[in-house]
Protein backbone atom coordinates (compact mmCIF):
# COMPACT_ATOMS: atom_id res chain seq x y z
CA UNK A 1 0.00 0.00 0.00
CA UNK A 2 2.92 2.34 0.67
CA UNK A 3 4.04 1.89 -2.93
CA UNK A 4 0.57 2.97 -4.16
CA UNK A 5 0.68 6.01 -1.90
CA UNK A 6 4.15 7.02 -3.09
CA UNK A 7 3.00 6.73 -6.70
CA UNK A 8 -0.14 8.78 -6.02
CA UNK A 9 1.95 11.48 -4.32
CA UNK A 10 4.30 11.60 -7.33
CA UNK A 11 1.30 11.87 -9.63
CA UNK A 12 -0.12 14.71 -7.57
CA UNK A 13 3.18 16.61 -7.72
CA UNK A 14 3.24 16.15 -11.48
CA UNK A 15 -0.35 17.28 -11.85
CA UNK A 16 0.28 20.35 -9.70
CA UNK A 17 3.20 21.33 -11.91
CA UNK A 18 1.14 21.04 -15.11
CA UNK A 19 -1.96 22.99 -14.01
CA UNK A 20 -1.74 26.58 -15.15
CA UNK A 21 -4.96 28.02 -13.72
CA UNK A 22 -4.82 26.80 -10.13
CA UNK A 23 -4.68 29.66 -7.66
CA UNK A 24 -1.17 29.95 -6.18
CA UNK A 25 -2.45 29.72 -2.60
CA UNK A 26 -4.44 26.56 -3.41
CA UNK A 27 -1.40 24.96 -5.01
CA UNK A 28 0.74 25.95 -2.03
CA UNK A 29 -1.74 24.40 0.42
CA UNK A 30 -1.80 21.17 -1.55
CA UNK A 31 1.97 21.03 -1.79
CA UNK A 32 2.16 21.59 1.96
CA UNK A 33 -0.31 18.76 2.59
CA UNK A 34 1.66 16.43 0.30
CA UNK A 35 4.91 17.36 2.02
CA UNK A 36 3.31 16.72 5.41
CA UNK A 37 2.19 13.27 4.30
CA UNK A 38 5.57 12.40 2.84
CA UNK A 39 7.47 13.60 5.90
CA UNK A 40 5.26 11.86 8.48
CA UNK A 41 4.68 8.47 6.86
CA UNK A 42 7.74 6.93 8.46
CA UNK A 43 6.86 8.14 11.93
CA UNK A 44 5.27 5.73 14.38
CA UNK A 45 2.45 8.00 15.50
CA UNK A 46 1.02 9.00 12.12
CA UNK A 47 -2.71 9.74 12.11
CA UNK A 48 -3.58 8.71 8.56
CA UNK A 49 -7.23 9.64 9.08
CA UNK A 50 -6.27 13.20 9.93
CA UNK A 51 -3.96 13.38 6.92
CA UNK A 52 -6.74 12.04 4.68
CA UNK A 53 -9.22 14.63 5.95
CA UNK A 54 -6.68 17.39 5.39
CA UNK A 55 -6.18 16.33 1.77
CA UNK A 56 -9.93 16.23 1.14
CA UNK A 57 -10.42 19.66 2.67
CA UNK A 58 -7.73 21.11 0.40
CA UNK A 59 -9.65 20.06 -2.71
CA UNK A 60 -13.04 21.46 -1.74
CA UNK A 61 -12.49 24.78 -3.50
CA UNK A 62 -11.54 23.35 -6.90
CA UNK A 63 -13.44 20.08 -7.28
CA UNK A 64 -15.33 21.23 -10.36
CA UNK A 65 -12.56 23.16 -12.08
CA UNK A 66 -9.85 20.49 -11.65
CA UNK A 67 -11.44 17.03 -11.62
CA UNK A 68 -8.20 15.14 -12.35
CA UNK A 69 -6.46 16.81 -9.44
CA UNK A 70 -9.45 16.09 -7.22
CA UNK A 71 -9.41 12.42 -8.24
CA UNK A 72 -5.71 12.12 -7.42
CA UNK A 73 -6.16 13.74 -4.02
CA UNK A 74 -9.16 11.48 -3.38
CA UNK A 75 -7.04 8.45 -4.22
CA UNK A 76 -4.39 9.58 -1.75
CA UNK A 77 -7.03 10.14 0.94
CA UNK A 78 -8.47 6.67 0.29
CA UNK A 79 -5.06 5.02 0.54
CA UNK A 80 -4.34 6.86 3.80
CA UNK A 81 -7.68 5.77 5.23
CA UNK A 82 -7.05 2.17 4.23
CA UNK A 83 -3.62 2.20 5.82
CA UNK A 84 -5.26 2.75 9.21
CA UNK A 85 -2.03 3.89 10.75
PDB file of N, CA and C in Angstrom:
ATOM      1  N   UNK A   1       0.820  -1.185   0.000  1.00  0.00           N
ATOM      2  CA  UNK A   1       0.000   0.000   0.000  1.00  0.00           C
ATOM      3  C   UNK A   1       0.871   1.259   0.000  1.00  0.00           C
ATOM      4  N   UNK A   2       2.017   1.184   0.631  1.00  0.00           N
ATOM      5  CA  UNK A   2       2.917   2.338   0.667  1.00  0.00           C
ATOM      6  C   UNK A   2       3.384   2.689  -0.746  1.00  0.00           C
ATOM      7  N   UNK A   3       3.616   1.656  -1.550  1.00  0.00           N
ATOM      8  CA  UNK A   3       4.041   1.890  -2.933  1.00  0.00           C
ATOM      9  C   UNK A   3       2.958   2.652  -3.700  1.00  0.00           C
ATOM     10  N   UNK A   4       1.690   2.276  -3.504  1.00  0.00           N
ATOM     11  CA  UNK A   4       0.571   2.965  -4.158  1.00  0.00           C
ATOM     12  C   UNK A   4       0.500   4.423  -3.717  1.00  0.00           C
ATOM     13  N   UNK A   5       0.726   4.644  -2.426  1.00  0.00           N
ATOM     14  CA  UNK A   5       0.681   6.007  -1.905  1.00  0.00           C
ATOM     15  C   UNK A   5       1.822   6.848  -2.479  1.00  0.00           C
ATOM     16  N   UNK A   6       3.012   6.286  -2.522  1.00  0.00           N
ATOM     17  CA  UNK A   6       4.147   7.019  -3.090  1.00  0.00           C
ATOM     18  C   UNK A   6       3.889   7.384  -4.546  1.00  0.00           C
ATOM     19  N   UNK A   7       3.315   6.462  -5.292  1.00  0.00           N
ATOM     20  CA  UNK A   7       2.998   6.728  -6.703  1.00  0.00           C
ATOM     21  C   UNK A   7       1.937   7.820  -6.825  1.00  0.00           C
ATOM     22  N   UNK A   8       0.914   7.759  -5.983  1.00  0.00           N
ATOM     23  CA  UNK A   8      -0.137   8.779  -6.023  1.00  0.00           C
ATOM     24  C   UNK A   8       0.422  10.150  -5.651  1.00  0.00           C
ATOM     25  N   UNK A   9       1.332  10.204  -4.695  1.00  0.00           N
ATOM     26  CA  UNK A   9       1.952  11.478  -4.321  1.00  0.00           C
ATOM     27  C   UNK A   9       2.792  12.031  -5.473  1.00  0.00           C
ATOM     28  N   UNK A  10       3.530  11.162  -6.151  1.00  0.00           N
ATOM     29  CA  UNK A  10       4.303  11.604  -7.326  1.00  0.00           C
ATOM     30  C   UNK A  10       3.369  12.131  -8.411  1.00  0.00           C
ATOM     31  N   UNK A  11       2.265  11.436  -8.625  1.00  0.00           N
ATOM     32  CA  UNK A  11       1.302  11.865  -9.634  1.00  0.00           C
ATOM     33  C   UNK A  11       0.709  13.225  -9.269  1.00  0.00           C
ATOM     34  N   UNK A  12       0.430  13.428  -8.007  1.00  0.00           N
ATOM     35  CA  UNK A  12      -0.115  14.708  -7.566  1.00  0.00           C
ATOM     36  C   UNK A  12       0.893  15.832  -7.798  1.00  0.00           C
ATOM     37  N   UNK A  13       2.149  15.594  -7.460  1.00  0.00           N
ATOM     38  CA  UNK A  13       3.178  16.609  -7.721  1.00  0.00           C
ATOM     39  C   UNK A  13       3.236  16.948  -9.202  1.00  0.00           C
ATOM     40  N   UNK A  14       3.200  15.942 -10.034  1.00  0.00           N
ATOM     41  CA  UNK A  14       3.244  16.151 -11.481  1.00  0.00           C
ATOM     42  C   UNK A  14       2.036  16.943 -11.962  1.00  0.00           C
ATOM     43  N   UNK A  15       0.868  16.581 -11.463  1.00  0.00           N
ATOM     44  CA  UNK A  15      -0.354  17.283 -11.846  1.00  0.00           C
ATOM     45  C   UNK A  15      -0.304  18.738 -11.398  1.00  0.00           C
ATOM     46  N   UNK A  16       0.176  18.976 -10.200  1.00  0.00           N
ATOM     47  CA  UNK A  16       0.278  20.348  -9.701  1.00  0.00           C
ATOM     48  C   UNK A  16       1.199  21.196 -10.576  1.00  0.00           C
ATOM     49  N   UNK A  17       2.262  20.597 -11.069  1.00  0.00           N
ATOM     50  CA  UNK A  17       3.200  21.329 -11.911  1.00  0.00           C
ATOM     51  C   UNK A  17       2.606  21.661 -13.277  1.00  0.00           C
ATOM     52  N   UNK A  18       1.674  20.848 -13.752  1.00  0.00           N
ATOM     53  CA  UNK A  18       1.145  21.040 -15.107  1.00  0.00           C
ATOM     54  C   UNK A  18      -0.102  21.926 -15.157  1.00  0.00           C
ATOM     55  N   UNK A  19      -0.745  22.166 -14.028  1.00  0.00           N
ATOM     56  CA  UNK A  19      -1.960  22.986 -14.010  1.00  0.00           C
ATOM     57  C   UNK A  19      -1.575  24.461 -14.013  1.00  0.00           C
ATOM     58  N   UNK A  20      -2.080  25.173 -14.998  1.00  0.00           N
ATOM     59  CA  UNK A  20      -1.740  26.584 -15.146  1.00  0.00           C
ATOM     60  C   UNK A  20      -2.703  27.515 -14.409  1.00  0.00           C
ATOM     61  N   UNK A  21      -3.959  27.097 -14.258  1.00  0.00           N
ATOM     62  CA  UNK A  21      -4.957  28.019 -13.721  1.00  0.00           C
ATOM     63  C   UNK A  21      -5.350  27.767 -12.265  1.00  0.00           C
ATOM     64  N   UNK A  22      -4.557  27.017 -11.549  1.00  0.00           N
ATOM     65  CA  UNK A  22      -4.816  26.802 -10.130  1.00  0.00           C
ATOM     66  C   UNK A  22      -4.284  28.004  -9.357  1.00  0.00           C
ATOM     67  N   UNK A  23      -5.095  28.510  -8.465  1.00  0.00           N
ATOM     68  CA  UNK A  23      -4.681  29.658  -7.655  1.00  0.00           C
ATOM     69  C   UNK A  23      -3.398  29.317  -6.897  1.00  0.00           C
ATOM     70  N   UNK A  24      -2.443  30.229  -6.854  1.00  0.00           N
ATOM     71  CA  UNK A  24      -1.168  29.952  -6.178  1.00  0.00           C
ATOM     72  C   UNK A  24      -1.330  29.518  -4.726  1.00  0.00           C
ATOM     73  N   UNK A  25      -2.271  30.111  -3.999  1.00  0.00           N
ATOM     74  CA  UNK A  25      -2.451  29.718  -2.604  1.00  0.00           C
ATOM     75  C   UNK A  25      -3.033  28.313  -2.483  1.00  0.00           C
ATOM     76  N   UNK A  26      -3.892  27.919  -3.419  1.00  0.00           N
ATOM     77  CA  UNK A  26      -4.441  26.557  -3.410  1.00  0.00           C
ATOM     78  C   UNK A  26      -3.325  25.551  -3.690  1.00  0.00           C
ATOM     79  N   UNK A  27      -2.508  25.850  -4.683  1.00  0.00           N
ATOM     80  CA  UNK A  27      -1.395  24.962  -5.011  1.00  0.00           C
ATOM     81  C   UNK A  27      -0.432  24.853  -3.829  1.00  0.00           C
ATOM     82  N   UNK A  28      -0.168  25.961  -3.181  1.00  0.00           N
ATOM     83  CA  UNK A  28       0.739  25.954  -2.033  1.00  0.00           C
ATOM     84  C   UNK A  28       0.180  25.103  -0.896  1.00  0.00           C
ATOM     85  N   UNK A  29      -1.128  25.210  -0.637  1.00  0.00           N
ATOM     86  CA  UNK A  29      -1.736  24.405   0.424  1.00  0.00           C
ATOM     87  C   UNK A  29      -1.657  22.918   0.098  1.00  0.00           C
ATOM     88  N   UNK A  30      -1.895  22.579  -1.156  1.00  0.00           N
ATOM     89  CA  UNK A  30      -1.805  21.170  -1.548  1.00  0.00           C
ATOM     90  C   UNK A  30      -0.382  20.657  -1.433  1.00  0.00           C
ATOM     91  N   UNK A  31       0.564  21.448  -1.896  1.00  0.00           N
ATOM     92  CA  UNK A  31       1.970  21.032  -1.786  1.00  0.00           C
ATOM     93  C   UNK A  31       2.352  20.829  -0.321  1.00  0.00           C
ATOM     94  N   UNK A  32       1.871  21.708   0.539  1.00  0.00           N
ATOM     95  CA  UNK A  32       2.159  21.589   1.963  1.00  0.00           C
ATOM     96  C   UNK A  32       1.561  20.295   2.522  1.00  0.00           C
ATOM     97  N   UNK A  33       0.330  19.985   2.124  1.00  0.00           N
ATOM     98  CA  UNK A  33      -0.311  18.757   2.591  1.00  0.00           C
ATOM     99  C   UNK A  33       0.447  17.531   2.102  1.00  0.00           C
ATOM    100  N   UNK A  34       0.894  17.547   0.851  1.00  0.00           N
ATOM    101  CA  UNK A  34       1.656  16.427   0.301  1.00  0.00           C
ATOM    102  C   UNK A  34       2.981  16.280   1.046  1.00  0.00           C
ATOM    103  N   UNK A  35       3.647  17.397   1.292  1.00  0.00           N
ATOM    104  CA  UNK A  35       4.913  17.357   2.018  1.00  0.00           C
ATOM    105  C   UNK A  35       4.716  16.821   3.431  1.00  0.00           C
ATOM    106  N   UNK A  36       3.607  17.217   4.064  1.00  0.00           N
ATOM    107  CA  UNK A  36       3.305  16.722   5.411  1.00  0.00           C
ATOM    108  C   UNK A  36       3.118  15.210   5.398  1.00  0.00           C
ATOM    109  N   UNK A  37       2.393  14.724   4.410  1.00  0.00           N
ATOM    110  CA  UNK A  37       2.187  13.274   4.297  1.00  0.00           C
ATOM    111  C   UNK A  37       3.517  12.568   4.102  1.00  0.00           C
ATOM    112  N   UNK A  38       4.290  13.043   3.152  1.00  0.00           N
ATOM    113  CA  UNK A  38       5.568  12.400   2.841  1.00  0.00           C
ATOM    114  C   UNK A  38       6.512  12.410   4.037  1.00  0.00           C
ATOM    115  N   UNK A  39       6.523  13.496   4.784  1.00  0.00           N
ATOM    116  CA  UNK A  39       7.467  13.602   5.898  1.00  0.00           C
ATOM    117  C   UNK A  39       7.025  12.829   7.136  1.00  0.00           C
ATOM    118  N   UNK A  40       5.739  12.537   7.273  1.00  0.00           N
ATOM    119  CA  UNK A  40       5.262  11.861   8.476  1.00  0.00           C
ATOM    120  C   UNK A  40       4.988  10.375   8.286  1.00  0.00           C
ATOM    121  N   UNK A  41       5.039   9.876   7.085  1.00  0.00           N
ATOM    122  CA  UNK A  41       4.682   8.469   6.858  1.00  0.00           C
ATOM    123  C   UNK A  41       5.594   7.491   7.584  1.00  0.00           C
ATOM    124  N   UNK A  42       6.825   7.852   7.798  1.00  0.00           N
ATOM    125  CA  UNK A  42       7.742   6.933   8.456  1.00  0.00           C
ATOM    126  C   UNK A  42       7.749   7.072   9.980  1.00  0.00           C
ATOM    127  N   UNK A  43       6.947   7.977  10.489  1.00  0.00           N
ATOM    128  CA  UNK A  43       6.855   8.136  11.932  1.00  0.00           C
ATOM    129  C   UNK A  43       5.893   7.105  12.503  1.00  0.00           C
ATOM    130  N   UNK A  44       6.100   6.750  13.741  1.00  0.00           N
ATOM    131  CA  UNK A  44       5.274   5.727  14.380  1.00  0.00           C
ATOM    132  C   UNK A  44       3.882   6.212  14.733  1.00  0.00           C
ATOM    133  N   UNK A  45       3.733   7.490  15.016  1.00  0.00           N
ATOM    134  CA  UNK A  45       2.449   7.996  15.499  1.00  0.00           C
ATOM    135  C   UNK A  45       1.687   8.792  14.452  1.00  0.00           C
ATOM    136  N   UNK A  46       1.703   8.323  13.207  1.00  0.00           N
ATOM    137  CA  UNK A  46       1.016   9.004  12.117  1.00  0.00           C
ATOM    138  C   UNK A  46      -0.485   8.767  12.241  1.00  0.00           C
ATOM    139  N   UNK A  47      -1.253   9.831  12.117  1.00  0.00           N
ATOM    140  CA  UNK A  47      -2.712   9.738  12.113  1.00  0.00           C
ATOM    141  C   UNK A  47      -3.163   9.840  10.659  1.00  0.00           C
ATOM    142  N   UNK A  48      -3.256   8.701   9.992  1.00  0.00           N
ATOM    143  CA  UNK A  48      -3.581   8.710   8.562  1.00  0.00           C
ATOM    144  C   UNK A  48      -4.974   9.267   8.304  1.00  0.00           C
ATOM    145  N   UNK A  49      -5.887   9.085   9.243  1.00  0.00           N
ATOM    146  CA  UNK A  49      -7.234   9.638   9.083  1.00  0.00           C
ATOM    147  C   UNK A  49      -7.199  11.155   9.041  1.00  0.00           C
ATOM    148  N   UNK A  50      -6.411  11.746   9.902  1.00  0.00           N
ATOM    149  CA  UNK A  50      -6.269  13.201   9.928  1.00  0.00           C
ATOM    150  C   UNK A  50      -5.626  13.703   8.641  1.00  0.00           C
ATOM    151  N   UNK A  51      -4.608  13.004   8.172  1.00  0.00           N
ATOM    152  CA  UNK A  51      -3.964  13.382   6.917  1.00  0.00           C
ATOM    153  C   UNK A  51      -4.945  13.274   5.745  1.00  0.00           C
ATOM    154  N   UNK A  52      -5.757  12.229   5.745  1.00  0.00           N
ATOM    155  CA  UNK A  52      -6.741  12.038   4.676  1.00  0.00           C
ATOM    156  C   UNK A  52      -7.762  13.170   4.673  1.00  0.00           C
ATOM    157  N   UNK A  53      -8.256  13.533   5.851  1.00  0.00           N
ATOM    158  CA  UNK A  53      -9.221  14.633   5.946  1.00  0.00           C
ATOM    159  C   UNK A  53      -8.608  15.948   5.468  1.00  0.00           C
ATOM    160  N   UNK A  54      -7.360  16.172   5.810  1.00  0.00           N
ATOM    161  CA  UNK A  54      -6.682  17.391   5.390  1.00  0.00           C
ATOM    162  C   UNK A  54      -6.592  17.464   3.869  1.00  0.00           C
ATOM    163  N   UNK A  55      -6.266  16.359   3.239  1.00  0.00           N
ATOM    164  CA  UNK A  55      -6.178  16.327   1.772  1.00  0.00           C
ATOM    165  C   UNK A  55      -7.546  16.610   1.151  1.00  0.00           C
ATOM    166  N   UNK A  56      -8.589  16.015   1.690  1.00  0.00           N
ATOM    167  CA  UNK A  56      -9.928  16.226   1.144  1.00  0.00           C
ATOM    168  C   UNK A  56     -10.377  17.673   1.311  1.00  0.00           C
ATOM    169  N   UNK A  57     -10.049  18.267   2.438  1.00  0.00           N
ATOM    170  CA  UNK A  57     -10.419  19.658   2.673  1.00  0.00           C
ATOM    171  C   UNK A  57      -9.718  20.592   1.682  1.00  0.00           C
ATOM    172  N   UNK A  58      -8.487  20.257   1.321  1.00  0.00           N
ATOM    173  CA  UNK A  58      -7.729  21.107   0.403  1.00  0.00           C
ATOM    174  C   UNK A  58      -8.345  21.139  -0.992  1.00  0.00           C
ATOM    175  N   UNK A  59      -9.087  20.122  -1.359  1.00  0.00           N
ATOM    176  CA  UNK A  59      -9.650  20.059  -2.708  1.00  0.00           C
ATOM    177  C   UNK A  59     -11.046  20.652  -2.818  1.00  0.00           C
ATOM    178  N   UNK A  60     -11.654  20.992  -1.716  1.00  0.00           N
ATOM    179  CA  UNK A  60     -13.042  21.462  -1.736  1.00  0.00           C
ATOM    180  C   UNK A  60     -13.246  22.653  -2.659  1.00  0.00           C
ATOM    181  N   UNK A  61     -12.293  23.548  -2.735  1.00  0.00           N
ATOM    182  CA  UNK A  61     -12.485  24.776  -3.503  1.00  0.00           C
ATOM    183  C   UNK A  61     -12.303  24.605  -5.008  1.00  0.00           C
ATOM    184  N   UNK A  62     -11.751  23.494  -5.454  1.00  0.00           N
ATOM    185  CA  UNK A  62     -11.541  23.352  -6.896  1.00  0.00           C
ATOM    186  C   UNK A  62     -11.981  22.002  -7.451  1.00  0.00           C
ATOM    187  N   UNK A  63     -12.954  21.381  -6.820  1.00  0.00           N
ATOM    188  CA  UNK A  63     -13.437  20.081  -7.276  1.00  0.00           C
ATOM    189  C   UNK A  63     -13.974  20.130  -8.705  1.00  0.00           C
ATOM    190  N   UNK A  64     -14.726  21.161  -9.030  1.00  0.00           N
ATOM    191  CA  UNK A  64     -15.333  21.229 -10.356  1.00  0.00           C
ATOM    192  C   UNK A  64     -14.347  21.692 -11.420  1.00  0.00           C
ATOM    193  N   UNK A  65     -13.469  22.609 -11.075  1.00  0.00           N
ATOM    194  CA  UNK A  65     -12.558  23.161 -12.081  1.00  0.00           C
ATOM    195  C   UNK A  65     -11.366  22.254 -12.377  1.00  0.00           C
ATOM    196  N   UNK A  66     -11.014  21.348 -11.458  1.00  0.00           N
ATOM    197  CA  UNK A  66      -9.846  20.488 -11.648  1.00  0.00           C
ATOM    198  C   UNK A  66     -10.176  19.053 -11.235  1.00  0.00           C
ATOM    199  N   UNK A  67     -11.009  18.374 -12.015  1.00  0.00           N
ATOM    200  CA  UNK A  67     -11.442  17.027 -11.618  1.00  0.00           C
ATOM    201  C   UNK A  67     -10.303  16.008 -11.531  1.00  0.00           C
ATOM    202  N   UNK A  68      -9.306  16.099 -12.400  1.00  0.00           N
ATOM    203  CA  UNK A  68      -8.197  15.139 -12.347  1.00  0.00           C
ATOM    204  C   UNK A  68      -7.403  15.302 -11.052  1.00  0.00           C
ATOM    205  N   UNK A  69      -7.167  16.532 -10.685  1.00  0.00           N
ATOM    206  CA  UNK A  69      -6.461  16.808  -9.440  1.00  0.00           C
ATOM    207  C   UNK A  69      -7.274  16.310  -8.250  1.00  0.00           C
ATOM    208  N   UNK A  70      -8.563  16.544  -8.290  1.00  0.00           N
ATOM    209  CA  UNK A  70      -9.450  16.090  -7.221  1.00  0.00           C
ATOM    210  C   UNK A  70      -9.444  14.571  -7.117  1.00  0.00           C
ATOM    211  N   UNK A  71      -9.441  13.887  -8.247  1.00  0.00           N
ATOM    212  CA  UNK A  71      -9.407  12.422  -8.241  1.00  0.00           C
ATOM    213  C   UNK A  71      -8.105  11.911  -7.627  1.00  0.00           C
ATOM    214  N   UNK A  72      -6.996  12.538  -7.960  1.00  0.00           N
ATOM    215  CA  UNK A  72      -5.714  12.116  -7.419  1.00  0.00           C
ATOM    216  C   UNK A  72      -5.662  12.323  -5.912  1.00  0.00           C
ATOM    217  N   UNK A  73      -6.133  13.466  -5.456  1.00  0.00           N
ATOM    218  CA  UNK A  73      -6.161  13.739  -4.020  1.00  0.00           C
ATOM    219  C   UNK A  73      -7.102  12.753  -3.322  1.00  0.00           C
ATOM    220  N   UNK A  74      -8.233  12.460  -3.941  1.00  0.00           N
ATOM    221  CA  UNK A  74      -9.158  11.484  -3.378  1.00  0.00           C
ATOM    222  C   UNK A  74      -8.527  10.106  -3.255  1.00  0.00           C
ATOM    223  N   UNK A  75      -7.739   9.744  -4.253  1.00  0.00           N
ATOM    224  CA  UNK A  75      -7.041   8.451  -4.221  1.00  0.00           C
ATOM    225  C   UNK A  75      -6.053   8.419  -3.058  1.00  0.00           C
ATOM    226  N   UNK A  76      -5.329   9.508  -2.861  1.00  0.00           N
ATOM    227  CA  UNK A  76      -4.386   9.577  -1.746  1.00  0.00           C
ATOM    228  C   UNK A  76      -5.127   9.472  -0.416  1.00  0.00           C
ATOM    229  N   UNK A  77      -6.229  10.191  -0.290  1.00  0.00           N
ATOM    230  CA  UNK A  77      -7.025  10.139   0.938  1.00  0.00           C
ATOM    231  C   UNK A  77      -7.541   8.725   1.190  1.00  0.00           C
ATOM    232  N   UNK A  78      -7.985   8.046   0.146  1.00  0.00           N
ATOM    233  CA  UNK A  78      -8.472   6.667   0.288  1.00  0.00           C
ATOM    234  C   UNK A  78      -7.358   5.733   0.757  1.00  0.00           C
ATOM    235  N   UNK A  79      -6.186   5.868   0.162  1.00  0.00           N
ATOM    236  CA  UNK A  79      -5.062   5.020   0.544  1.00  0.00           C
ATOM    237  C   UNK A  79      -4.697   5.261   2.010  1.00  0.00           C
ATOM    238  N   UNK A  80      -4.651   6.533   2.404  1.00  0.00           N
ATOM    239  CA  UNK A  80      -4.337   6.856   3.799  1.00  0.00           C
ATOM    240  C   UNK A  80      -5.373   6.243   4.734  1.00  0.00           C
ATOM    241  N   UNK A  81      -6.627   6.334   4.388  1.00  0.00           N
ATOM    242  CA  UNK A  81      -7.682   5.772   5.225  1.00  0.00           C
ATOM    243  C   UNK A  81      -7.551   4.261   5.343  1.00  0.00           C
ATOM    244  N   UNK A  82      -7.198   3.617   4.231  1.00  0.00           N
ATOM    245  CA  UNK A  82      -7.052   2.173   4.226  1.00  0.00           C
ATOM    246  C   UNK A  82      -5.836   1.712   5.036  1.00  0.00           C
ATOM    247  N   UNK A  83      -4.827   2.568   5.091  1.00  0.00           N
ATOM    248  CA  UNK A  83      -3.619   2.201   5.824  1.00  0.00           C
ATOM    249  C   UNK A  83      -3.914   2.061   7.306  1.00  0.00           C
ATOM    250  N   UNK A  84      -4.853   2.867   7.807  1.00  0.00           N
ATOM    251  CA  UNK A  84      -5.259   2.753   9.205  1.00  0.00           C
ATOM    252  C   UNK A  84      -4.129   2.892  10.190  1.00  0.00           C
ATOM    253  N   UNK A  85      -3.187   3.720   9.871  1.00  0.00           N
ATOM    254  CA  UNK A  85      -2.033   3.893  10.754  1.00  0.00           C
ATOM    255  C   UNK A  85      -2.475   4.675  11.982  1.00  0.00           C
TER     256      UNK A  85
END
